[in-house]
PDB file of N, CA and C in Angstrom:
ATOM      1  N   UNK A   1     165.763 143.358  36.718  1.00  0.00           N
ATOM      2  CA  UNK A   1     164.704 143.769  37.634  1.00  0.00           C
ATOM      3  C   UNK A   1     164.919 145.229  38.026  1.00  0.00           C
ATOM      4  N   UNK A   2     163.847 145.954  38.057  1.00  0.00           N
ATOM      5  CA  UNK A   2     163.976 147.342  38.488  1.00  0.00           C
ATOM      6  C   UNK A   2     163.642 147.452  39.978  1.00  0.00           C
ATOM      7  N   UNK A   3     163.880 148.618  40.532  1.00  0.00           N
ATOM      8  CA  UNK A   3     163.680 148.821  41.970  1.00  0.00           C
ATOM      9  C   UNK A   3     162.246 148.563  42.413  1.00  0.00           C
ATOM     10  N   UNK A   4     161.292 148.919  41.579  1.00  0.00           N
ATOM     11  CA  UNK A   4     159.883 148.725  41.939  1.00  0.00           C
ATOM     12  C   UNK A   4     159.564 147.236  42.106  1.00  0.00           C
ATOM     13  N   UNK A   5     160.062 146.426  41.205  1.00  0.00           N
ATOM     14  CA  UNK A   5     159.846 144.981  41.274  1.00  0.00           C
ATOM     15  C   UNK A   5     160.546 144.405  42.499  1.00  0.00           C
ATOM     16  N   UNK A   6     161.762 144.836  42.728  1.00  0.00           N
ATOM     17  CA  UNK A   6     162.523 144.366  43.887  1.00  0.00           C
ATOM     18  C   UNK A   6     161.815 144.754  45.177  1.00  0.00           C
ATOM     19  N   UNK A   7     161.362 145.992  45.279  1.00  0.00           N
ATOM     20  CA  UNK A   7     160.655 146.445  46.482  1.00  0.00           C
ATOM     21  C   UNK A   7     159.380 145.642  46.717  1.00  0.00           C
ATOM     22  N   UNK A   8     158.665 145.348  45.647  1.00  0.00           N
ATOM     23  CA  UNK A   8     157.443 144.555  45.763  1.00  0.00           C
ATOM     24  C   UNK A   8     157.765 143.151  46.271  1.00  0.00           C
ATOM     25  N   UNK A   9     158.809 142.547  45.727  1.00  0.00           N
ATOM     26  CA  UNK A   9     159.234 141.211  46.157  1.00  0.00           C
ATOM     27  C   UNK A   9     159.650 141.211  47.629  1.00  0.00           C
ATOM     28  N   UNK A  10     160.415 142.207  48.026  1.00  0.00           N
ATOM     29  CA  UNK A  10     160.865 142.310  49.416  1.00  0.00           C
ATOM     30  C   UNK A  10     159.665 142.483  50.345  1.00  0.00           C
ATOM     31  N   UNK A  11     158.733 143.345  49.979  1.00  0.00           N
ATOM     32  CA  UNK A  11     157.528 143.547  50.787  1.00  0.00           C
ATOM     33  C   UNK A  11     156.740 142.247  50.942  1.00  0.00           C
ATOM     34  N   UNK A  12     156.631 141.504  49.861  1.00  0.00           N
ATOM     35  CA  UNK A  12     155.905 140.231  49.902  1.00  0.00           C
ATOM     36  C   UNK A  12     156.603 139.236  50.827  1.00  0.00           C
ATOM     37  N   UNK A  13     157.920 139.160  50.735  1.00  0.00           N
ATOM     38  CA  UNK A  13     158.685 138.238  51.586  1.00  0.00           C
ATOM     39  C   UNK A  13     158.552 138.621  53.055  1.00  0.00           C
ATOM     40  N   UNK A  14     158.615 139.904  53.354  1.00  0.00           N
ATOM     41  CA  UNK A  14     158.462 140.372  54.738  1.00  0.00           C
ATOM     42  C   UNK A  14     157.074 140.027  55.253  1.00  0.00           C
ATOM     43  N   UNK A  15     156.061 140.264  54.444  1.00  0.00           N
ATOM     44  CA  UNK A  15     154.693 139.949  54.841  1.00  0.00           C
ATOM     45  C   UNK A  15     154.531 138.454  55.116  1.00  0.00           C
ATOM     46  N   UNK A  16     155.083 137.620  54.246  1.00  0.00           N
ATOM     47  CA  UNK A  16     155.005 136.172  54.442  1.00  0.00           C
ATOM     48  C   UNK A  16     155.732 135.745  55.707  1.00  0.00           C
ATOM     49  N   UNK A  17     156.870 136.350  55.972  1.00  0.00           N
ATOM     50  CA  UNK A  17     157.623 136.041  57.181  1.00  0.00           C
ATOM     51  C   UNK A  17     156.815 136.382  58.424  1.00  0.00           C
ATOM     52  N   UNK A  18     156.181 137.549  58.428  1.00  0.00           N
ATOM     53  CA  UNK A  18     155.361 137.957  59.568  1.00  0.00           C
ATOM     54  C   UNK A  18     154.172 137.021  59.750  1.00  0.00           C
ATOM     55  N   UNK A  19     153.538 136.638  58.664  1.00  0.00           N
ATOM     56  CA  UNK A  19     152.401 135.713  58.734  1.00  0.00           C
ATOM     57  C   UNK A  19     152.840 134.356  59.282  1.00  0.00           C
ATOM     58  N   UNK A  20     153.968 133.855  58.807  1.00  0.00           N
ATOM     59  CA  UNK A  20     154.481 132.572  59.294  1.00  0.00           C
ATOM     60  C   UNK A  20     154.812 132.640  60.779  1.00  0.00           C
ATOM     61  N   UNK A  21     155.415 133.740  61.201  1.00  0.00           N
ATOM     62  CA  UNK A  21     155.778 133.929  62.607  1.00  0.00           C
ATOM     63  C   UNK A  21     154.532 133.894  63.493  1.00  0.00           C
ATOM     64  N   UNK A  22     153.516 134.658  63.118  1.00  0.00           N
ATOM     65  CA  UNK A  22     152.303 134.712  63.930  1.00  0.00           C
ATOM     66  C   UNK A  22     151.522 133.400  63.868  1.00  0.00           C
ATOM     67  N   UNK A  23     151.560 132.741  62.757  1.00  0.00           N
ATOM     68  CA  UNK A  23     150.910 131.438  62.631  1.00  0.00           C
ATOM     69  C   UNK A  23     151.572 130.427  63.559  1.00  0.00           C
ATOM     70  N   UNK A  24     152.884 130.496  63.654  1.00  0.00           N
ATOM     71  CA  UNK A  24     153.624 129.613  64.551  1.00  0.00           C
ATOM     72  C   UNK A  24     153.225 129.871  66.004  1.00  0.00           C
ATOM     73  N   UNK A  25     153.123 131.122  66.392  1.00  0.00           N
ATOM     74  CA  UNK A  25     152.711 131.471  67.755  1.00  0.00           C
ATOM     75  C   UNK A  25     151.319 130.919  68.032  1.00  0.00           C
ATOM     76  N   UNK A  26     150.410 131.090  67.093  1.00  0.00           N
ATOM     77  CA  UNK A  26     149.053 130.582  67.272  1.00  0.00           C
ATOM     78  C   UNK A  26     149.056 129.067  67.426  1.00  0.00           C
ATOM     79  N   UNK A  27     149.866 128.386  66.633  1.00  0.00           N
ATOM     80  CA  UNK A  27     149.946 126.932  66.717  1.00  0.00           C
ATOM     81  C   UNK A  27     150.459 126.457  68.062  1.00  0.00           C
ATOM     82  N   UNK A  28     151.476 127.125  68.574  1.00  0.00           N
ATOM     83  CA  UNK A  28     152.039 126.765  69.874  1.00  0.00           C
ATOM     84  C   UNK A  28     151.056 127.075  70.987  1.00  0.00           C
ATOM     85  N   UNK A  29     150.398 128.209  70.897  1.00  0.00           N
ATOM     86  CA  UNK A  29     149.518 128.642  71.984  1.00  0.00           C
ATOM     87  C   UNK A  29     148.274 127.771  72.123  1.00  0.00           C
ATOM     88  N   UNK A  30     147.868 127.095  71.066  1.00  0.00           N
ATOM     89  CA  UNK A  30     146.673 126.243  71.126  1.00  0.00           C
ATOM     90  C   UNK A  30     146.787 125.208  72.236  1.00  0.00           C
ATOM     91  N   UNK A  31     147.956 124.615  72.354  1.00  0.00           N
ATOM     92  CA  UNK A  31     148.185 123.605  73.394  1.00  0.00           C
ATOM     93  C   UNK A  31     147.959 124.203  74.782  1.00  0.00           C
ATOM     94  N   UNK A  32     148.473 125.390  74.998  1.00  0.00           N
ATOM     95  CA  UNK A  32     148.348 126.032  76.304  1.00  0.00           C
ATOM     96  C   UNK A  32     146.925 126.519  76.563  1.00  0.00           C
ATOM     97  N   UNK A  33     146.263 126.985  75.537  1.00  0.00           N
ATOM     98  CA  UNK A  33     144.875 127.421  75.700  1.00  0.00           C
ATOM     99  C   UNK A  33     144.004 126.238  76.105  1.00  0.00           C
ATOM    100  N   UNK A  34     144.229 125.089  75.478  1.00  0.00           N
ATOM    101  CA  UNK A  34     143.475 123.888  75.850  1.00  0.00           C
ATOM    102  C   UNK A  34     143.691 123.540  77.317  1.00  0.00           C
ATOM    103  N   UNK A  35     144.927 123.635  77.784  1.00  0.00           N
ATOM    104  CA  UNK A  35     145.216 123.352  79.191  1.00  0.00           C
ATOM    105  C   UNK A  35     144.538 124.370  80.103  1.00  0.00           C
ATOM    106  N   UNK A  36     144.578 125.624  79.747  1.00  0.00           N
ATOM    107  CA  UNK A  36     143.948 126.672  80.552  1.00  0.00           C
ATOM    108  C   UNK A  36     142.447 126.419  80.651  1.00  0.00           C
ATOM    109  N   UNK A  37     141.822 126.055  79.551  1.00  0.00           N
ATOM    110  CA  UNK A  37     140.387 125.782  79.554  1.00  0.00           C
ATOM    111  C   UNK A  37     140.030 124.606  80.463  1.00  0.00           C
ATOM    112  N   UNK A  38     140.996 123.713  80.674  1.00  0.00           N
ATOM    113  CA  UNK A  38     140.787 122.584  81.578  1.00  0.00           C
ATOM    114  C   UNK A  38     141.268 122.915  82.997  1.00  0.00           C
ATOM    115  N   UNK A  39     141.536 124.198  83.222  1.00  0.00           N
ATOM    116  CA  UNK A  39     142.000 124.710  84.514  1.00  0.00           C
ATOM    117  C   UNK A  39     143.326 124.076  84.958  1.00  0.00           C
ATOM    118  N   UNK A  40     144.147 123.750  83.992  1.00  0.00           N
ATOM    119  CA  UNK A  40     145.470 123.186  84.245  1.00  0.00           C
ATOM    120  C   UNK A  40     146.515 124.238  83.895  1.00  0.00           C
ATOM    121  N   UNK A  41     147.107 124.825  84.918  1.00  0.00           N
ATOM    122  CA  UNK A  41     148.129 125.850  84.705  1.00  0.00           C
ATOM    123  C   UNK A  41     149.533 125.337  85.026  1.00  0.00           C
ATOM    124  N   UNK A  42     149.688 124.037  85.103  1.00  0.00           N
ATOM    125  CA  UNK A  42     150.975 123.458  85.475  1.00  0.00           C
ATOM    126  C   UNK A  42     152.090 123.835  84.499  1.00  0.00           C
ATOM    127  N   UNK A  43     151.757 124.062  83.249  1.00  0.00           N
ATOM    128  CA  UNK A  43     152.775 124.427  82.261  1.00  0.00           C
ATOM    129  C   UNK A  43     153.496 125.718  82.642  1.00  0.00           C
ATOM    130  N   UNK A  44     152.808 126.567  83.386  1.00  0.00           N
ATOM    131  CA  UNK A  44     153.367 127.873  83.734  1.00  0.00           C
ATOM    132  C   UNK A  44     154.617 127.755  84.602  1.00  0.00           C
ATOM    133  N   UNK A  45     154.728 126.682  85.348  1.00  0.00           N
ATOM    134  CA  UNK A  45     155.901 126.474  86.207  1.00  0.00           C
ATOM    135  C   UNK A  45     157.091 125.899  85.440  1.00  0.00           C
ATOM    136  N   UNK A  46     156.879 125.499  84.226  1.00  0.00           N
ATOM    137  CA  UNK A  46     157.935 124.889  83.429  1.00  0.00           C
ATOM    138  C   UNK A  46     158.964 125.930  83.000  1.00  0.00           C
ATOM    139  N   UNK A  47     160.218 125.637  83.240  1.00  0.00           N
ATOM    140  CA  UNK A  47     161.293 126.537  82.807  1.00  0.00           C
ATOM    141  C   UNK A  47     161.289 126.684  81.287  1.00  0.00           C
ATOM    142  N   UNK A  48     161.033 125.588  80.603  1.00  0.00           N
ATOM    143  CA  UNK A  48     161.009 125.634  79.135  1.00  0.00           C
ATOM    144  C   UNK A  48     159.949 126.615  78.645  1.00  0.00           C
ATOM    145  N   UNK A  49     158.766 126.564  79.245  1.00  0.00           N
ATOM    146  CA  UNK A  49     157.700 127.481  78.831  1.00  0.00           C
ATOM    147  C   UNK A  49     158.113 128.920  79.088  1.00  0.00           C
ATOM    148  N   UNK A  50     158.701 129.159  80.229  1.00  0.00           N
ATOM    149  CA  UNK A  50     159.093 130.529  80.583  1.00  0.00           C
ATOM    150  C   UNK A  50     160.162 131.078  79.646  1.00  0.00           C
ATOM    151  N   UNK A  51     161.071 130.243  79.222  1.00  0.00           N
ATOM    152  CA  UNK A  51     162.175 130.732  78.396  1.00  0.00           C
ATOM    153  C   UNK A  51     161.872 130.720  76.905  1.00  0.00           C
ATOM    154  N   UNK A  52     160.971 129.845  76.467  1.00  0.00           N
ATOM    155  CA  UNK A  52     160.742 129.714  75.033  1.00  0.00           C
ATOM    156  C   UNK A  52     159.404 130.256  74.555  1.00  0.00           C
ATOM    157  N   UNK A  53     158.421 130.321  75.422  1.00  0.00           N
ATOM    158  CA  UNK A  53     157.076 130.648  74.962  1.00  0.00           C
ATOM    159  C   UNK A  53     156.461 131.856  75.639  1.00  0.00           C
ATOM    160  N   UNK A  54     157.226 132.571  76.402  1.00  0.00           N
ATOM    161  CA  UNK A  54     156.662 133.715  77.120  1.00  0.00           C
ATOM    162  C   UNK A  54     156.091 134.758  76.165  1.00  0.00           C
ATOM    163  N   UNK A  55     156.612 134.835  74.958  1.00  0.00           N
ATOM    164  CA  UNK A  55     156.131 135.812  73.977  1.00  0.00           C
ATOM    165  C   UNK A  55     154.671 135.583  73.598  1.00  0.00           C
ATOM    166  N   UNK A  56     154.144 134.407  73.886  1.00  0.00           N
ATOM    167  CA  UNK A  56     152.749 134.109  73.553  1.00  0.00           C
ATOM    168  C   UNK A  56     151.808 135.053  74.280  1.00  0.00           C
ATOM    169  N   UNK A  57     152.126 135.321  75.546  1.00  0.00           N
ATOM    170  CA  UNK A  57     151.223 136.183  76.301  1.00  0.00           C
ATOM    171  C   UNK A  57     151.575 137.618  76.015  1.00  0.00           C
TER     172      UNK A  57
END
């Protein structure tokens, strides 16, 4: 493999990683968006939400 092929492969892997990361955030946030739409903000007081999902906002 030459450098050009390797660079292309690395770029593709990085892009896929970023897409997977953002897809995961979207999947997690759906649950909270549904609660917000129902005017339920109780999740916000959860320590777990604060420590694990704060990056969503």
